[in-house]
């Protein structure tokens, strides 16, 4: 039997090529599966009277009002991927990542959620920015335990609570008659852009900085107390309650 070196080398090269392609295919499939696990999307049909409650660990949360009777939830998950399991409780949508991932290490989860304009929104996160816009319900709450900015724009809610430990807070919206509004940050700046026709009673406190700029909302009914640390007063008829507090940051009122 004559040994054919060229044929033998050809067979070995073909075998190596087959193994290499198999390995590449395996990793491509694995990468595809991993990528699929890092995206989440789900929609729920709702009425106008609906409530969204979201508890996140870390990541940016964006909630946007729209003119549909539907809640659309999408999220991108960074490794290690968290478990997301929304609950639909008689029209109330509850998402609690702390409960689902109590004993697991997870990466940031970035949410984008579209809700009816009239949805009550309650968001709580440990770390990350919270963005809410175009909501005109009776209640909006945005709370950050550690660090992150809160941005509320084109708002028409009659009850608003925004609290961050060290981030800035921006509110751009209406002050409704009979409404209640509370903004608090330990270290961040608070910017309130509201209509000149607003009516509210004010308690504003800047404990360390003593920096409270009322801008065009300053009038004879505003009283400075505590060596400039606090302003107590009334603007217009004083129909709404407005409480603004920062320990080390500054407070700005801007005409909308």
Protein backbone atom coordinates (compact mmCIF):
# COMPACT_ATOMS: atom_id res chain seq x y z
CA UNK A 1 0.00 0.00 0.00
CA UNK A 2 1.38 3.38 -1.07
CA UNK A 3 1.10 6.15 1.55
CA UNK A 4 -0.50 9.28 0.01
CA UNK A 5 0.87 12.22 2.05
CA UNK A 6 -1.12 14.86 0.19
CA UNK A 7 -4.43 13.01 0.74
CA UNK A 8 -3.61 12.45 4.43
CA UNK A 9 -2.87 16.15 4.97
CA UNK A 10 -6.09 17.03 3.18
CA UNK A 11 -8.16 14.79 5.44
CA UNK A 12 -6.52 16.25 8.57
CA UNK A 13 -7.20 19.79 7.38
CA UNK A 14 -10.81 18.94 6.63
CA UNK A 15 -11.23 17.46 10.13
CA UNK A 16 -9.70 20.51 11.79
CA UNK A 17 -11.90 22.81 9.72
CA UNK A 18 -15.01 20.85 10.77
CA UNK A 19 -14.04 21.08 14.46
CA UNK A 20 -13.30 24.81 14.16
CA UNK A 21 -16.64 25.53 12.47
CA UNK A 22 -18.43 23.49 15.12
CA UNK A 23 -16.77 25.49 17.90
CA UNK A 24 -17.61 28.80 16.21
CA UNK A 25 -21.22 27.70 15.71
CA UNK A 26 -21.48 26.68 19.38
CA UNK A 27 -20.27 30.07 20.61
CA UNK A 28 -22.49 31.90 18.16
CA UNK A 29 -25.51 29.99 19.44
CA UNK A 30 -24.47 30.58 23.03
CA UNK A 31 -24.05 34.30 22.39
CA UNK A 32 -27.47 34.40 20.72
CA UNK A 33 -29.09 32.71 23.71
CA UNK A 34 -27.33 35.06 26.15
CA UNK A 35 -28.42 38.06 24.12
CA UNK A 36 -32.02 36.85 24.10
CA UNK A 37 -31.96 36.50 27.88
CA UNK A 38 -30.95 40.15 28.25
CA UNK A 39 -34.11 41.55 26.67
CA UNK A 40 -37.60 41.59 28.15
CA UNK A 41 -40.85 42.80 26.61
CA UNK A 42 -44.48 42.43 27.63
CA UNK A 43 -47.76 44.30 27.17
CA UNK A 44 -50.99 44.41 29.19
CA UNK A 45 -54.40 45.73 28.21
CA UNK A 46 -55.73 48.06 30.90
CA UNK A 47 -58.39 50.61 31.65
CA UNK A 48 -57.71 54.24 32.42
CA UNK A 49 -57.71 53.66 36.18
CA UNK A 50 -54.51 51.65 36.60
CA UNK A 51 -51.51 51.67 38.92
CA UNK A 52 -47.89 50.75 38.16
CA UNK A 53 -45.67 49.73 41.08
CA UNK A 54 -42.02 49.07 40.25
CA UNK A 55 -39.22 48.14 42.66
CA UNK A 56 -35.80 47.94 41.00
CA UNK A 57 -32.31 47.27 42.33
CA UNK A 58 -30.19 49.32 39.96
CA UNK A 59 -30.60 50.80 36.51
CA UNK A 60 -32.42 53.61 34.73
CA UNK A 61 -36.22 53.59 34.79
CA UNK A 62 -38.20 55.62 32.26
CA UNK A 63 -41.99 55.85 32.44
CA UNK A 64 -43.90 57.67 29.69
CA UNK A 65 -47.62 58.40 29.46
CA UNK A 66 -49.43 57.71 26.19
CA UNK A 67 -52.97 57.75 24.82
CA UNK A 68 -53.58 53.99 24.89
CA UNK A 69 -55.32 51.63 27.29
CA UNK A 70 -52.20 49.52 27.43
CA UNK A 71 -49.03 49.17 29.49
CA UNK A 72 -45.94 48.22 27.50
CA UNK A 73 -42.88 47.08 29.46
CA UNK A 74 -39.46 46.63 27.89
CA UNK A 75 -36.17 46.14 29.69
CA UNK A 76 -32.52 45.50 28.92
CA UNK A 77 -30.70 43.33 31.45
CA UNK A 78 -26.99 43.37 32.11
CA UNK A 79 -25.20 40.26 33.35
CA UNK A 80 -25.88 38.47 35.55
CA UNK A 81 -29.44 38.78 34.27
CA UNK A 82 -32.20 39.40 36.80
CA UNK A 83 -35.54 37.61 36.86
CA UNK A 84 -38.50 39.79 35.80
CA UNK A 85 -41.98 38.48 36.55
CA UNK A 86 -44.67 41.20 36.41
CA UNK A 87 -47.94 40.57 38.21
CA UNK A 88 -51.28 41.77 36.87
CA UNK A 89 -53.44 42.20 39.97
CA UNK A 90 -56.89 43.26 38.81
CA UNK A 91 -55.42 45.86 36.47
CA UNK A 92 -52.60 46.92 38.80
CA UNK A 93 -49.17 46.02 37.41
CA UNK A 94 -46.57 45.11 40.05
CA UNK A 95 -42.89 44.51 39.24
CA UNK A 96 -40.65 43.71 42.21
CA UNK A 97 -37.08 42.77 41.33
CA UNK A 98 -36.02 42.68 44.98
CA UNK A 99 -38.51 39.93 45.70
CA UNK A 100 -37.73 37.89 42.57
CA UNK A 101 -33.96 38.13 43.03
CA UNK A 102 -33.64 38.25 46.79
CA UNK A 103 -30.69 35.86 47.10
CA UNK A 104 -29.17 36.42 43.66
CA UNK A 105 -26.48 38.74 42.38
CA UNK A 106 -27.86 40.64 39.41
CA UNK A 107 -26.72 43.33 37.00
CA UNK A 108 -28.51 46.61 36.25
CA UNK A 109 -31.94 46.47 34.64
CA UNK A 110 -32.95 49.44 32.47
CA UNK A 111 -36.71 49.81 32.03
CA UNK A 112 -38.75 51.76 29.48
CA UNK A 113 -42.46 51.59 30.31
CA UNK A 114 -45.39 53.19 28.46
CA UNK A 115 -48.58 53.65 30.46
CA UNK A 116 -51.93 55.44 30.05
CA UNK A 117 -51.71 59.14 30.95
CA UNK A 118 -53.92 58.60 33.99
CA UNK A 119 -51.80 55.83 35.55
CA UNK A 120 -50.75 56.13 39.18
CA UNK A 121 -46.99 55.55 39.24
CA UNK A 122 -44.95 54.32 42.22
CA UNK A 123 -41.23 53.69 41.52
CA UNK A 124 -38.58 52.68 44.02
CA UNK A 125 -34.93 51.90 43.21
CA UNK A 126 -31.65 51.64 45.08
CA UNK A 127 -29.36 53.11 42.43
CA UNK A 128 -30.05 54.74 39.08
CA UNK A 129 -31.91 57.58 37.41
CA UNK A 130 -35.71 57.82 37.37
CA UNK A 131 -37.45 59.59 34.49
CA UNK A 132 -41.22 60.15 34.35
CA UNK A 133 -43.05 62.27 31.80
CA UNK A 134 -46.56 62.98 30.51
CA UNK A 135 -48.44 61.63 33.54
CA UNK A 136 -51.70 63.30 34.62
CA UNK A 137 -53.02 61.04 37.37
CA UNK A 138 -53.71 61.55 41.05
CA UNK A 139 -50.37 60.19 42.29
CA UNK A 140 -46.73 59.87 41.24
CA UNK A 141 -43.94 58.72 43.54
CA UNK A 142 -40.26 58.41 42.59
CA UNK A 143 -37.82 57.30 45.29
CA UNK A 144 -34.07 56.56 45.08
CA UNK A 145 -32.43 55.04 48.15
CA UNK A 146 -28.79 55.87 47.39
CA UNK A 147 -27.75 57.77 44.26
CA UNK A 148 -29.51 58.90 41.12
CA UNK A 149 -31.32 61.86 39.54
CA UNK A 150 -35.09 62.24 39.27
CA UNK A 151 -36.55 64.03 36.23
CA UNK A 152 -40.31 64.65 36.04
CA UNK A 153 -41.43 66.53 32.91
CA UNK A 154 -44.76 67.63 31.46
CA UNK A 155 -46.46 66.51 34.65
CA UNK A 156 -50.09 67.09 35.59
CA UNK A 157 -50.47 64.87 38.65
CA UNK A 158 -52.25 66.22 41.72
CA UNK A 159 -49.98 64.35 44.14
CA UNK A 160 -46.21 64.04 43.64
CA UNK A 161 -43.43 62.71 45.87
CA UNK A 162 -39.82 62.76 44.62
CA UNK A 163 -37.02 61.70 46.97
CA UNK A 164 -33.33 61.04 46.31
CA UNK A 165 -30.48 60.70 48.77
CA UNK A 166 -27.76 62.40 46.73
CA UNK A 167 -29.15 63.08 43.26
CA UNK A 168 -30.72 66.15 41.66
CA UNK A 169 -34.47 66.56 41.20
CA UNK A 170 -36.13 68.36 38.28
CA UNK A 171 -39.89 68.94 38.21
CA UNK A 172 -41.47 70.52 35.14
CA UNK A 173 -45.23 70.53 35.43
CA UNK A 174 -48.42 71.85 36.95
CA UNK A 175 -49.28 72.61 40.55
CA UNK A 176 -52.89 71.45 40.75
CA UNK A 177 -55.47 73.12 42.99
CA UNK A 178 -55.75 71.12 46.21
CA UNK A 179 -52.69 69.07 45.27
CA UNK A 180 -49.80 67.94 47.45
CA UNK A 181 -46.16 68.04 46.29
CA UNK A 182 -43.05 66.94 48.18
CA UNK A 183 -39.48 67.08 46.87
CA UNK A 184 -36.49 66.01 48.96
CA UNK A 185 -32.78 65.42 48.38
CA UNK A 186 -29.98 65.17 50.89
CA UNK A 187 -27.23 66.54 48.65
CA UNK A 188 -28.74 67.35 45.25
CA UNK A 189 -30.17 70.47 43.66
CA UNK A 190 -33.94 70.82 43.22
CA UNK A 191 -35.31 72.70 40.20
CA UNK A 192 -39.05 73.41 40.06
CA UNK A 193 -40.38 74.78 36.77
CA UNK A 194 -44.04 75.64 37.34
CA UNK A 195 -46.65 78.01 35.83
CA UNK A 196 -46.75 81.61 37.03
CA UNK A 197 -50.48 81.11 37.70
CA UNK A 198 -49.81 78.42 40.32
CA UNK A 199 -51.32 78.66 43.79
CA UNK A 200 -49.60 77.06 46.78
CA UNK A 201 -48.48 77.23 50.37
CA UNK A 202 -44.72 76.77 50.60
CA UNK A 203 -42.31 75.24 53.07
CA UNK A 204 -38.82 75.31 51.53
CA UNK A 205 -35.71 74.27 53.48
CA UNK A 206 -32.03 74.38 52.47
CA UNK A 207 -30.46 73.42 55.76
CA UNK A 208 -26.72 73.75 55.01
CA UNK A 209 -26.49 75.83 51.84
CA UNK A 210 -29.21 78.35 52.81
CA UNK A 211 -29.76 78.80 49.08
CA UNK A 212 -33.40 79.15 48.04
CA UNK A 213 -34.11 81.10 44.87
CA UNK A 214 -37.81 81.92 44.46
CA UNK A 215 -37.28 83.90 41.27
CA UNK A 216 -40.52 85.49 40.07
CA UNK A 217 -42.47 83.63 42.77
CA UNK A 218 -41.09 85.83 45.52
CA UNK A 219 -43.66 88.12 47.15
CA UNK A 220 -44.53 89.81 50.43
CA UNK A 221 -46.19 86.63 51.73
CA UNK A 222 -42.87 84.75 51.71
CA UNK A 223 -41.01 84.84 55.03
CA UNK A 224 -37.35 83.92 55.53
CA UNK A 225 -36.66 82.20 58.85
CA UNK A 226 -33.85 80.29 60.57
CA UNK A 227 -31.02 82.51 59.31
CA UNK A 228 -32.00 81.92 55.73
CA UNK A 229 -32.38 78.16 56.03
CA UNK A 230 -36.12 78.18 55.45
CA UNK A 231 -38.82 80.08 53.59
CA UNK A 232 -42.44 79.78 54.69
CA UNK A 233 -45.22 81.51 52.82
CA UNK A 234 -47.96 81.55 50.25
CA UNK A 235 -48.19 82.21 46.56
CA UNK A 236 -51.54 83.11 45.08
CA UNK A 237 -54.49 81.74 47.01
CA UNK A 238 -52.35 78.97 48.50
CA UNK A 239 -54.59 76.13 47.37
CA UNK A 240 -51.87 73.45 47.03
CA UNK A 241 -49.22 72.29 49.49
CA UNK A 242 -45.57 72.43 48.36
CA UNK A 243 -42.79 71.06 50.56
CA UNK A 244 -39.20 71.28 49.25
CA UNK A 245 -36.18 70.13 51.28
CA UNK A 246 -32.47 69.73 50.64
CA UNK A 247 -29.74 69.36 53.21
CA UNK A 248 -26.66 70.39 51.21
CA UNK A 249 -28.07 71.31 47.82
CA UNK A 250 -29.89 74.34 46.43
CA UNK A 251 -33.50 75.10 45.53
CA UNK A 252 -34.57 76.96 42.37
CA UNK A 253 -38.04 78.13 41.31
CA UNK A 254 -38.39 78.81 37.59
CA UNK A 255 -41.37 80.25 35.74
CA UNK A 256 -42.81 77.79 33.23
